[in-house]
Amino acid sequence: MFDKKLKLYNGVEIPQIGLGTWLIDDDEVEEIVKTALKMGYRHIDTAEAYGNEKGVGRAIKTCGISREEIFLQTKLIAEAKTYAEAKNEIELSFEKLGVDYIDLMIIHSPQPWATFRNGDHHFEGNLQAWKALIEFYKKGKIKAIGVSNFEIVDIENLINNSDVKPMVNQILTHISNTDFELIKYCQDNDIVIEAYSPIAHGELLDNKEIKILADKYQVSIAQLCIQYTLQLGLVSLPKASSYNHLKSNITLDFEISSEDMLKLCQIDKIHSYGNYEVFPCFSKQKNK
């Protein structure tokens, strides 16, 4: 079972594999999370926008595993762009989850979803939301704070205008869609990247090039995709609901060679961004 952790710049340790719960209904998520926790998962990712915080909270309460062993993260809704709105929504997440503290809470998006990537970066609104998160962080109610779907300019806005910089940026990352420039920027600034949808919502499962490499390592396509993100030094958040998929996603006892990592980076290269060759995992000397 894969059980490695990364350390955030404030010293908090985060399990490098977590369970994504997007599109899992509240009445189903409790049993799925309990199964995952009993299997060895210690990192659960949810969000107010997912509508399943109550179910996740119930699972944590009834799983029989100490709360201190579980890394729980949720997301502040993207539409909360004033201090008052953000503070209210954070308190609402606490109420739904039914926990005394949250390990990590992140702003779900720099823009409200209805206007996502429309050119308006909502700089002031994100500073107000960030102010609310900092307040809970400094009180110890939230152990770490961060962002999601933030571009470099959005992160710089927070760094340049507050006394706490993000600890995490959760972004869409998978083979054929890897923003190496953003990842490198975050890692250079001690911001851990979380990769959501590392299997591209299942779209990579029929990719013949990836299948050839998966067969070479005698693993599933999903396992290869998850391992790819891990070897980039990211936290990986695959979603799963079946017992077999939950199990296979944390059964990763292989390493992708540097040559094969380069091949994976060049699949549909038009969707990849930046210079991947600067990353240590592509060093032939390291991964021969």
C-alpha atoms as a PDB file:
ATOM      1  CA  MET A   1       0.000   0.000   0.000  1.00  0.00           C
ATOM      2  CA  PHE A   2       1.280   3.480  -0.910  1.00  0.00           C
ATOM      3  CA  ASP A   3       1.532   5.501   2.304  1.00  0.00           C
ATOM      4  CA  LYS A   4       4.073   8.253   1.639  1.00  0.00           C
ATOM      5  CA  LYS A   5       3.513  11.798   2.855  1.00  0.00           C
ATOM      6  CA  LEU A   6       4.653  15.243   1.789  1.00  0.00           C
ATOM      7  CA  LYS A   7       5.375  18.062   4.229  1.00  0.00           C
ATOM      8  CA  LEU A   8       3.771  21.463   3.740  1.00  0.00           C
ATOM      9  CA  TYR A   9       5.939  24.504   4.450  1.00  0.00           C
ATOM     10  CA  ASN A  10       4.239  24.993   7.833  1.00  0.00           C
ATOM     11  CA  GLY A  11       5.222  21.476   8.898  1.00  0.00           C
ATOM     12  CA  VAL A  12       1.844  19.787   8.376  1.00  0.00           C
ATOM     13  CA  GLU A  13       2.187  16.366   6.718  1.00  0.00           C
ATOM     14  CA  ILE A  14      -0.201  15.441   3.919  1.00  0.00           C
ATOM     15  CA  PRO A  15      -0.671  11.875   2.608  1.00  0.00           C
ATOM     16  CA  GLN A  16       0.446  11.821  -1.025  1.00  0.00           C
ATOM     17  CA  ILE A  17      -2.600   9.830  -2.168  1.00  0.00           C
ATOM     18  CA  GLY A  18      -6.097  10.899  -1.258  1.00  0.00           C
ATOM     19  CA  LEU A  19      -9.604   9.818  -2.160  1.00  0.00           C
ATOM     20  CA  GLY A  20     -11.480  12.226  -4.413  1.00  0.00           C
ATOM     21  CA  THR A  21     -15.244  12.320  -3.784  1.00  0.00           C
ATOM     22  CA  TRP A  22     -16.519  14.546  -6.595  1.00  0.00           C
ATOM     23  CA  LEU A  23     -19.856  13.323  -8.026  1.00  0.00           C
ATOM     24  CA  ILE A  24     -20.397  10.856  -5.184  1.00  0.00           C
ATOM     25  CA  ASP A  25     -23.800  11.536  -3.620  1.00  0.00           C
ATOM     26  CA  ASP A  26     -24.070  12.278   0.067  1.00  0.00           C
ATOM     27  CA  ASP A  27     -26.092   9.121   0.744  1.00  0.00           C
ATOM     28  CA  GLU A  28     -23.408   6.963  -0.915  1.00  0.00           C
ATOM     29  CA  VAL A  29     -20.191   8.659   0.155  1.00  0.00           C
ATOM     30  CA  GLU A  30     -20.292   7.500   3.800  1.00  0.00           C
ATOM     31  CA  GLU A  31     -19.805   3.813   3.024  1.00  0.00           C
ATOM     32  CA  ILE A  32     -17.255   4.507   0.276  1.00  0.00           C
ATOM     33  CA  VAL A  33     -15.143   6.676   2.597  1.00  0.00           C
ATOM     34  CA  LYS A  34     -15.421   4.142   5.430  1.00  0.00           C
ATOM     35  CA  THR A  35     -14.304   1.371   3.077  1.00  0.00           C
ATOM     36  CA  ALA A  36     -11.369   3.478   1.880  1.00  0.00           C
ATOM     37  CA  LEU A  37     -10.288   4.340   5.424  1.00  0.00           C
ATOM     38  CA  LYS A  38     -10.430   0.703   6.509  1.00  0.00           C
ATOM     39  CA  MET A  39      -8.357  -0.157   3.440  1.00  0.00           C
ATOM     40  CA  GLY A  40      -5.602   2.255   4.438  1.00  0.00           C
ATOM     41  CA  TYR A  41      -6.521   5.621   2.905  1.00  0.00           C
ATOM     42  CA  ARG A  42      -5.815   8.475   5.282  1.00  0.00           C
ATOM     43  CA  HIS A  43      -6.584  11.474   3.070  1.00  0.00           C
ATOM     44  CA  ILE A  44     -10.157  12.391   2.077  1.00  0.00           C
ATOM     45  CA  ASP A  45     -10.967  15.250  -0.299  1.00  0.00           C
ATOM     46  CA  THR A  46     -14.421  16.813  -0.372  1.00  0.00           C
ATOM     47  CA  ALA A  47     -15.951  20.242  -1.015  1.00  0.00           C
ATOM     48  CA  GLU A  48     -19.024  22.211  -0.072  1.00  0.00           C
ATOM     49  CA  ALA A  49     -19.895  22.318  -3.770  1.00  0.00           C
ATOM     50  CA  TYR A  50     -19.911  18.503  -3.912  1.00  0.00           C
ATOM     51  CA  GLY A  51     -22.883  18.357  -1.573  1.00  0.00           C
ATOM     52  CA  ASN A  52     -21.445  15.417   0.358  1.00  0.00           C
ATOM     53  CA  GLU A  53     -19.684  16.973   3.356  1.00  0.00           C
ATOM     54  CA  LYS A  54     -22.291  15.542   5.743  1.00  0.00           C
ATOM     55  CA  GLY A  55     -21.702  12.010   4.477  1.00  0.00           C
ATOM     56  CA  VAL A  56     -17.930  12.405   4.663  1.00  0.00           C
ATOM     57  CA  GLY A  57     -18.272  13.707   8.207  1.00  0.00           C
ATOM     58  CA  ARG A  58     -20.437  10.741   9.212  1.00  0.00           C
ATOM     59  CA  ALA A  59     -17.847   8.354   7.789  1.00  0.00           C
ATOM     60  CA  ILE A  60     -15.039   9.951   9.773  1.00  0.00           C
ATOM     61  CA  LYS A  61     -17.090   9.753  12.977  1.00  0.00           C
ATOM     62  CA  THR A  62     -18.098   6.103  12.571  1.00  0.00           C
ATOM     63  CA  CYS A  63     -15.103   4.501  10.827  1.00  0.00           C
ATOM     64  CA  GLY A  64     -13.373   3.500  14.048  1.00  0.00           C
ATOM     65  CA  ILE A  65     -10.154   5.288  13.119  1.00  0.00           C
ATOM     66  CA  SER A  66      -8.775   8.087  15.265  1.00  0.00           C
ATOM     67  CA  ARG A  67      -9.565  11.550  13.882  1.00  0.00           C
ATOM     68  CA  GLU A  68      -5.894  12.483  14.253  1.00  0.00           C
ATOM     69  CA  GLU A  69      -4.943   9.773  11.740  1.00  0.00           C
ATOM     70  CA  ILE A  70      -7.212  11.173   9.028  1.00  0.00           C
ATOM     71  CA  PHE A  71      -6.287  14.108   6.782  1.00  0.00           C
ATOM     72  CA  LEU A  72      -9.559  15.840   5.892  1.00  0.00           C
ATOM     73  CA  GLN A  73      -9.698  18.568   3.309  1.00  0.00           C
ATOM     74  CA  THR A  74     -12.601  20.536   1.931  1.00  0.00           C
ATOM     75  CA  LYS A  75     -13.113  23.572  -0.279  1.00  0.00           C
ATOM     76  CA  LEU A  76     -14.617  26.995   0.197  1.00  0.00           C
ATOM     77  CA  ILE A  77     -17.196  27.552  -2.531  1.00  0.00           C
ATOM     78  CA  ALA A  78     -15.951  29.565  -5.479  1.00  0.00           C
ATOM     79  CA  GLU A  79     -18.814  32.048  -5.218  1.00  0.00           C
ATOM     80  CA  ALA A  80     -17.786  33.343  -1.761  1.00  0.00           C
ATOM     81  CA  LYS A  81     -15.855  36.494  -2.647  1.00  0.00           C
ATOM     82  CA  THR A  82     -16.443  38.675   0.396  1.00  0.00           C
ATOM     83  CA  TYR A  83     -15.039  38.220   3.893  1.00  0.00           C
ATOM     84  CA  ALA A  84     -18.511  37.792   5.413  1.00  0.00           C
ATOM     85  CA  GLU A  85     -19.623  35.267   2.803  1.00  0.00           C
ATOM     86  CA  ALA A  86     -16.415  33.284   3.120  1.00  0.00           C
ATOM     87  CA  LYS A  87     -16.534  33.212   6.925  1.00  0.00           C
ATOM     88  CA  ASN A  88     -20.143  32.047   6.845  1.00  0.00           C
ATOM     89  CA  GLU A  89     -19.395  29.292   4.324  1.00  0.00           C
ATOM     90  CA  ILE A  90     -16.374  28.074   6.309  1.00  0.00           C
ATOM     91  CA  GLU A  91     -18.548  27.814   9.421  1.00  0.00           C
ATOM     92  CA  LEU A  92     -21.157  25.961   7.357  1.00  0.00           C
ATOM     93  CA  SER A  93     -18.551  23.394   6.292  1.00  0.00           C
ATOM     94  CA  PHE A  94     -17.625  22.831   9.932  1.00  0.00           C
ATOM     95  CA  GLU A  95     -21.288  22.323  10.740  1.00  0.00           C
ATOM     96  CA  LYS A  96     -21.845  19.844   7.910  1.00  0.00           C
ATOM     97  CA  LEU A  97     -18.660  17.883   8.571  1.00  0.00           C
ATOM     98  CA  GLY A  98     -19.255  17.850  12.316  1.00  0.00           C
ATOM     99  CA  VAL A  99     -15.547  18.098  13.152  1.00  0.00           C
ATOM    100  CA  ASP A 100     -13.573  20.254  15.565  1.00  0.00           C
ATOM    101  CA  TYR A 101     -10.873  21.042  13.020  1.00  0.00           C
ATOM    102  CA  ILE A 102     -10.183  20.701   9.301  1.00  0.00           C
ATOM    103  CA  ASP A 103      -6.729  19.657   8.106  1.00  0.00           C
ATOM    104  CA  LEU A 104      -6.823  21.643   4.868  1.00  0.00           C
ATOM    105  CA  MET A 105      -9.320  24.066   3.354  1.00  0.00           C
ATOM    106  CA  ILE A 106      -8.849  25.678  -0.030  1.00  0.00           C
ATOM    107  CA  ILE A 107     -10.595  28.259  -2.193  1.00  0.00           C
ATOM    108  CA  HIS A 108     -12.280  26.132  -4.858  1.00  0.00           C
ATOM    109  CA  SER A 109     -11.666  28.518  -7.761  1.00  0.00           C
ATOM    110  CA  PRO A 110     -10.463  32.087  -8.375  1.00  0.00           C
ATOM    111  CA  GLN A 111     -13.688  32.724 -10.300  1.00  0.00           C
ATOM    112  CA  PRO A 112     -17.274  31.707  -9.548  1.00  0.00           C
ATOM    113  CA  TRP A 113     -18.028  28.664 -11.706  1.00  0.00           C
ATOM    114  CA  ALA A 114     -20.531  30.546 -13.862  1.00  0.00           C
ATOM    115  CA  THR A 115     -17.712  32.824 -15.053  1.00  0.00           C
ATOM    116  CA  PHE A 116     -14.742  30.448 -14.796  1.00  0.00           C
ATOM    117  CA  ARG A 117     -11.711  31.609 -16.819  1.00  0.00           C
ATOM    118  CA  ASN A 118     -13.587  34.590 -18.265  1.00  0.00           C
ATOM    119  CA  GLY A 119     -10.613  36.918 -17.730  1.00  0.00           C
ATOM    120  CA  ASP A 120     -11.755  38.411 -14.409  1.00  0.00           C
ATOM    121  CA  HIS A 121      -9.384  37.214 -11.687  1.00  0.00           C
ATOM    122  CA  HIS A 122     -11.465  38.584  -8.787  1.00  0.00           C
ATOM    123  CA  PHE A 123      -8.302  39.748  -7.047  1.00  0.00           C
ATOM    124  CA  GLU A 124     -10.047  41.654  -4.254  1.00  0.00           C
ATOM    125  CA  GLY A 125     -12.685  38.966  -3.753  1.00  0.00           C
ATOM    126  CA  ASN A 126     -10.027  36.274  -3.388  1.00  0.00           C
ATOM    127  CA  LEU A 127      -8.133  38.419  -0.889  1.00  0.00           C
ATOM    128  CA  GLN A 128     -11.324  38.691   1.159  1.00  0.00           C
ATOM    129  CA  ALA A 129     -11.894  34.934   1.032  1.00  0.00           C
ATOM    130  CA  TRP A 130      -8.231  34.381   1.897  1.00  0.00           C
ATOM    131  CA  LYS A 131      -8.543  36.737   4.875  1.00  0.00           C
ATOM    132  CA  ALA A 132     -11.335  34.560   6.267  1.00  0.00           C
ATOM    133  CA  LEU A 133      -9.314  31.376   5.798  1.00  0.00           C
ATOM    134  CA  ILE A 134      -6.287  32.964   7.489  1.00  0.00           C
ATOM    135  CA  GLU A 135      -8.457  33.856  10.472  1.00  0.00           C
ATOM    136  CA  PHE A 136      -9.483  30.223  10.993  1.00  0.00           C
ATOM    137  CA  TYR A 137      -5.918  29.074  10.313  1.00  0.00           C
ATOM    138  CA  LYS A 138      -4.416  31.376  12.934  1.00  0.00           C
ATOM    139  CA  LYS A 139      -6.991  30.157  15.457  1.00  0.00           C
ATOM    140  CA  GLY A 140      -5.893  26.569  14.774  1.00  0.00           C
ATOM    141  CA  LYS A 141      -9.324  25.526  13.499  1.00  0.00           C
ATOM    142  CA  ILE A 142      -7.868  24.846  10.060  1.00  0.00           C
ATOM    143  CA  LYS A 143      -4.378  23.318  10.053  1.00  0.00           C
ATOM    144  CA  ALA A 144      -3.432  24.377   6.515  1.00  0.00           C
ATOM    145  CA  ILE A 145      -4.961  26.608   3.837  1.00  0.00           C
ATOM    146  CA  GLY A 146      -4.601  26.788   0.094  1.00  0.00           C
ATOM    147  CA  VAL A 147      -6.254  27.284  -3.260  1.00  0.00           C
ATOM    148  CA  SER A 148      -7.539  25.346  -6.250  1.00  0.00           C
ATOM    149  CA  ASN A 149      -7.500  26.087  -9.977  1.00  0.00           C
ATOM    150  CA  PHE A 150      -5.375  29.192  -9.304  1.00  0.00           C
ATOM    151  CA  GLU A 151      -3.045  30.433 -12.025  1.00  0.00           C
ATOM    152  CA  ILE A 152       0.302  32.071 -11.240  1.00  0.00           C
ATOM    153  CA  VAL A 153      -1.151  35.580 -11.289  1.00  0.00           C
ATOM    154  CA  ASP A 154      -3.872  34.523  -8.828  1.00  0.00           C
ATOM    155  CA  ILE A 155      -1.310  33.063  -6.429  1.00  0.00           C
ATOM    156  CA  GLU A 156       0.922  36.130  -6.694  1.00  0.00           C
ATOM    157  CA  ASN A 157      -2.049  38.271  -5.662  1.00  0.00           C
ATOM    158  CA  LEU A 158      -2.272  36.376  -2.365  1.00  0.00           C
ATOM    159  CA  ILE A 159       1.472  36.226  -1.776  1.00  0.00           C
ATOM    160  CA  ASN A 160       1.947  39.956  -2.405  1.00  0.00           C
ATOM    161  CA  ASN A 161      -1.014  41.113  -0.329  1.00  0.00           C
ATOM    162  CA  SER A 162      -1.124  38.893   2.764  1.00  0.00           C
ATOM    163  CA  ASP A 163       1.193  37.521   5.432  1.00  0.00           C
ATOM    164  CA  VAL A 164       0.336  33.866   4.742  1.00  0.00           C
ATOM    165  CA  LYS A 165       0.972  32.299   1.355  1.00  0.00           C
ATOM    166  CA  PRO A 166      -0.974  29.268   0.089  1.00  0.00           C
ATOM    167  CA  MET A 167       0.332  25.891   1.182  1.00  0.00           C
ATOM    168  CA  VAL A 168      -1.430  23.952  -1.590  1.00  0.00           C
ATOM    169  CA  ASN A 169      -2.765  24.518  -5.103  1.00  0.00           C
ATOM    170  CA  GLN A 170      -5.107  21.792  -6.336  1.00  0.00           C
ATOM    171  CA  ILE A 171      -5.244  21.686 -10.149  1.00  0.00           C
ATOM    172  CA  LEU A 172      -6.349  19.402 -12.957  1.00  0.00           C
ATOM    173  CA  THR A 173      -3.285  17.312 -13.786  1.00  0.00           C
ATOM    174  CA  HIS A 174      -3.008  14.141 -15.796  1.00  0.00           C
ATOM    175  CA  ILE A 175      -1.043  12.625 -18.655  1.00  0.00           C
ATOM    176  CA  SER A 176      -1.633  14.879 -21.710  1.00  0.00           C
ATOM    177  CA  ASN A 177      -2.640  17.806 -19.484  1.00  0.00           C
ATOM    178  CA  THR A 178       0.212  18.878 -17.206  1.00  0.00           C
ATOM    179  CA  ASP A 179       0.959  22.545 -16.577  1.00  0.00           C
ATOM    180  CA  PHE A 180       4.678  22.217 -15.841  1.00  0.00           C
ATOM    181  CA  GLU A 181       5.213  25.974 -15.640  1.00  0.00           C
ATOM    182  CA  LEU A 182       2.589  26.362 -12.909  1.00  0.00           C
ATOM    183  CA  ILE A 183       3.789  23.253 -11.069  1.00  0.00           C
ATOM    184  CA  LYS A 184       7.392  24.482 -11.136  1.00  0.00           C
ATOM    185  CA  TYR A 185       6.351  27.944  -9.930  1.00  0.00           C
ATOM    186  CA  CYS A 186       4.419  26.464  -7.012  1.00  0.00           C
ATOM    187  CA  GLN A 187       7.153  24.038  -6.031  1.00  0.00           C
ATOM    188  CA  ASP A 188       9.739  26.847  -6.175  1.00  0.00           C
ATOM    189  CA  ASN A 189       7.507  28.749  -3.724  1.00  0.00           C
ATOM    190  CA  ASP A 190       7.042  25.759  -1.376  1.00  0.00           C
ATOM    191  CA  ILE A 191       3.426  25.293  -2.466  1.00  0.00           C
ATOM    192  CA  VAL A 192       2.428  21.651  -2.826  1.00  0.00           C
ATOM    193  CA  ILE A 193       0.466  20.750  -5.941  1.00  0.00           C
ATOM    194  CA  GLU A 194      -2.497  18.399  -5.668  1.00  0.00           C
ATOM    195  CA  ALA A 195      -3.532  16.664  -8.888  1.00  0.00           C
ATOM    196  CA  TYR A 196      -7.255  16.167  -9.237  1.00  0.00           C
ATOM    197  CA  SER A 197      -8.689  13.834 -11.876  1.00  0.00           C
ATOM    198  CA  PRO A 198      -5.292  12.146 -12.506  1.00  0.00           C
ATOM    199  CA  ILE A 199      -7.049   9.652 -14.787  1.00  0.00           C
ATOM    200  CA  ALA A 200      -8.743  12.479 -16.741  1.00  0.00           C
ATOM    201  CA  HIS A 201     -12.250  11.502 -15.631  1.00  0.00           C
ATOM    202  CA  GLY A 202     -11.588   8.083 -17.171  1.00  0.00           C
ATOM    203  CA  GLU A 203     -10.812   9.457 -20.637  1.00  0.00           C
ATOM    204  CA  LEU A 204      -7.284   8.000 -20.612  1.00  0.00           C
ATOM    205  CA  LEU A 205      -8.458   4.427 -20.047  1.00  0.00           C
ATOM    206  CA  ASP A 206      -8.741   3.835 -23.804  1.00  0.00           C
ATOM    207  CA  ASN A 207      -5.440   5.453 -24.763  1.00  0.00           C
ATOM    208  CA  LYS A 208      -3.361   2.895 -26.676  1.00  0.00           C
ATOM    209  CA  GLU A 209       0.011   4.545 -25.986  1.00  0.00           C
ATOM    210  CA  ILE A 210      -0.638   4.551 -22.251  1.00  0.00           C
ATOM    211  CA  LYS A 211      -1.898   0.966 -22.432  1.00  0.00           C
ATOM    212  CA  ILE A 212       1.408  -0.195 -23.931  1.00  0.00           C
ATOM    213  CA  LEU A 213       3.356   1.321 -21.024  1.00  0.00           C
ATOM    214  CA  ALA A 214       0.905   0.040 -18.435  1.00  0.00           C
ATOM    215  CA  ASP A 215       1.312  -3.471 -19.829  1.00  0.00           C
ATOM    216  CA  LYS A 216       5.091  -3.071 -19.684  1.00  0.00           C
ATOM    217  CA  TYR A 217       4.896  -2.444 -15.917  1.00  0.00           C
ATOM    218  CA  GLN A 218       2.101  -5.005 -15.490  1.00  0.00           C
ATOM    219  CA  VAL A 219      -0.210  -2.428 -13.952  1.00  0.00           C
ATOM    220  CA  SER A 220      -3.550  -0.890 -14.908  1.00  0.00           C
ATOM    221  CA  ILE A 221      -3.791   2.351 -16.883  1.00  0.00           C
ATOM    222  CA  ALA A 222      -5.223   4.009 -13.767  1.00  0.00           C
ATOM    223  CA  GLN A 223      -2.242   2.895 -11.672  1.00  0.00           C
ATOM    224  CA  LEU A 224       0.199   4.234 -14.278  1.00  0.00           C
ATOM    225  CA  CYS A 225      -1.632   7.578 -14.393  1.00  0.00           C
ATOM    226  CA  ILE A 226      -1.568   7.948 -10.618  1.00  0.00           C
ATOM    227  CA  GLN A 227       2.103   6.977 -10.415  1.00  0.00           C
ATOM    228  CA  TYR A 228       2.904   9.599 -13.072  1.00  0.00           C
ATOM    229  CA  THR A 229       1.565  12.370 -10.822  1.00  0.00           C
ATOM    230  CA  LEU A 230       3.325  10.968  -7.759  1.00  0.00           C
ATOM    231  CA  GLN A 231       6.690  10.936  -9.528  1.00  0.00           C
ATOM    232  CA  LEU A 232       6.197  14.615 -10.356  1.00  0.00           C
ATOM    233  CA  GLY A 233       6.159  15.181  -6.605  1.00  0.00           C
ATOM    234  CA  LEU A 234       2.424  15.888  -6.469  1.00  0.00           C
ATOM    235  CA  VAL A 235      -0.382  14.750  -4.204  1.00  0.00           C
ATOM    236  CA  SER A 236      -2.724  12.559  -6.272  1.00  0.00           C
ATOM    237  CA  LEU A 237      -6.490  12.526  -5.731  1.00  0.00           C
ATOM    238  CA  PRO A 238      -8.068   9.742  -7.789  1.00  0.00           C
ATOM    239  CA  LYS A 239     -11.790   9.186  -7.415  1.00  0.00           C
ATOM    240  CA  ALA A 240     -13.070   5.641  -6.903  1.00  0.00           C
ATOM    241  CA  SER A 241     -16.204   4.008  -5.550  1.00  0.00           C
ATOM    242  CA  SER A 242     -15.758   0.259  -6.083  1.00  0.00           C
ATOM    243  CA  TYR A 243     -13.690  -1.888  -3.732  1.00  0.00           C
ATOM    244  CA  ASN A 244     -11.379  -3.079  -6.531  1.00  0.00           C
ATOM    245  CA  HIS A 245     -10.642   0.412  -7.807  1.00  0.00           C
ATOM    246  CA  LEU A 246     -10.090   1.764  -4.305  1.00  0.00           C
ATOM    247  CA  LYS A 247      -7.620  -1.050  -3.682  1.00  0.00           C
ATOM    248  CA  SER A 248      -5.705  -0.843  -6.947  1.00  0.00           C
ATOM    249  CA  ASN A 249      -5.318   2.943  -6.710  1.00  0.00           C
ATOM    250  CA  ILE A 250      -3.129   2.603  -3.603  1.00  0.00           C
ATOM    251  CA  THR A 251      -1.302  -0.546  -4.741  1.00  0.00           C
ATOM    252  CA  LEU A 252       1.663   1.114  -6.397  1.00  0.00           C
ATOM    253  CA  ASP A 253       4.855  -0.886  -5.965  1.00  0.00           C
ATOM    254  CA  PHE A 254       6.582   0.157  -9.188  1.00  0.00           C
ATOM    255  CA  GLU A 255       8.529   3.114 -10.573  1.00  0.00           C
ATOM    256  CA  ILE A 256       8.259   4.613 -14.048  1.00  0.00           C
ATOM    257  CA  SER A 257      11.658   5.054 -15.709  1.00  0.00           C
ATOM    258  CA  SER A 258      12.769   8.510 -16.819  1.00  0.00           C
ATOM    259  CA  GLU A 259      12.520   7.452 -20.476  1.00  0.00           C
ATOM    260  CA  ASP A 260       8.937   6.341 -19.999  1.00  0.00           C
ATOM    261  CA  MET A 261       8.071   9.489 -18.040  1.00  0.00           C
ATOM    262  CA  LEU A 262       9.291  11.465 -21.055  1.00  0.00           C
ATOM    263  CA  LYS A 263       7.071   9.371 -23.319  1.00  0.00           C
ATOM    264  CA  LEU A 264       4.094  10.045 -21.085  1.00  0.00           C
ATOM    265  CA  CYS A 265       4.843  13.782 -21.171  1.00  0.00           C
ATOM    266  CA  GLN A 266       4.874  13.741 -24.950  1.00  0.00           C
ATOM    267  CA  ILE A 267       1.475  12.074 -25.323  1.00  0.00           C
ATOM    268  CA  ASP A 268      -0.794  14.715 -26.826  1.00  0.00           C
ATOM    269  CA  LYS A 269       1.960  17.177 -26.020  1.00  0.00           C
ATOM    270  CA  ILE A 270      -0.142  20.052 -27.301  1.00  0.00           C
ATOM    271  CA  HIS A 271      -2.107  19.847 -24.034  1.00  0.00           C
ATOM    272  CA  SER A 272       1.016  19.950 -21.841  1.00  0.00           C
ATOM    273  CA  TYR A 273       2.606  23.200 -20.774  1.00  0.00           C
ATOM    274  CA  GLY A 274       6.142  24.270 -19.944  1.00  0.00           C
ATOM    275  CA  ASN A 275       9.501  22.547 -19.802  1.00  0.00           C
ATOM    276  CA  TYR A 276       9.075  19.140 -18.179  1.00  0.00           C
ATOM    277  CA  GLU A 277      12.769  18.238 -18.541  1.00  0.00           C
ATOM    278  CA  VAL A 278      13.737  20.446 -15.581  1.00  0.00           C
ATOM    279  CA  PHE A 279      11.981  18.043 -13.197  1.00  0.00           C
ATOM    280  CA  PRO A 280      14.219  15.599 -11.284  1.00  0.00           C
ATOM    281  CA  CYS A 281      11.997  12.629 -12.177  1.00  0.00           C
ATOM    282  CA  PHE A 282      13.131  12.940 -15.797  1.00  0.00           C
ATOM    283  CA  SER A 283      16.808  12.559 -14.944  1.00  0.00           C
ATOM    284  CA  LYS A 284      18.138   9.432 -16.649  1.00  0.00           C
ATOM    285  CA  GLN A 285      20.779   9.191 -13.947  1.00  0.00           C
ATOM    286  CA  LYS A 286      18.139   9.042 -11.228  1.00  0.00           C
ATOM    287  CA  ASN A 287      15.708   6.545 -12.703  1.00  0.00           C
ATOM    288  CA  LYS A 288      17.847   4.178 -14.760  1.00  0.00           C
END
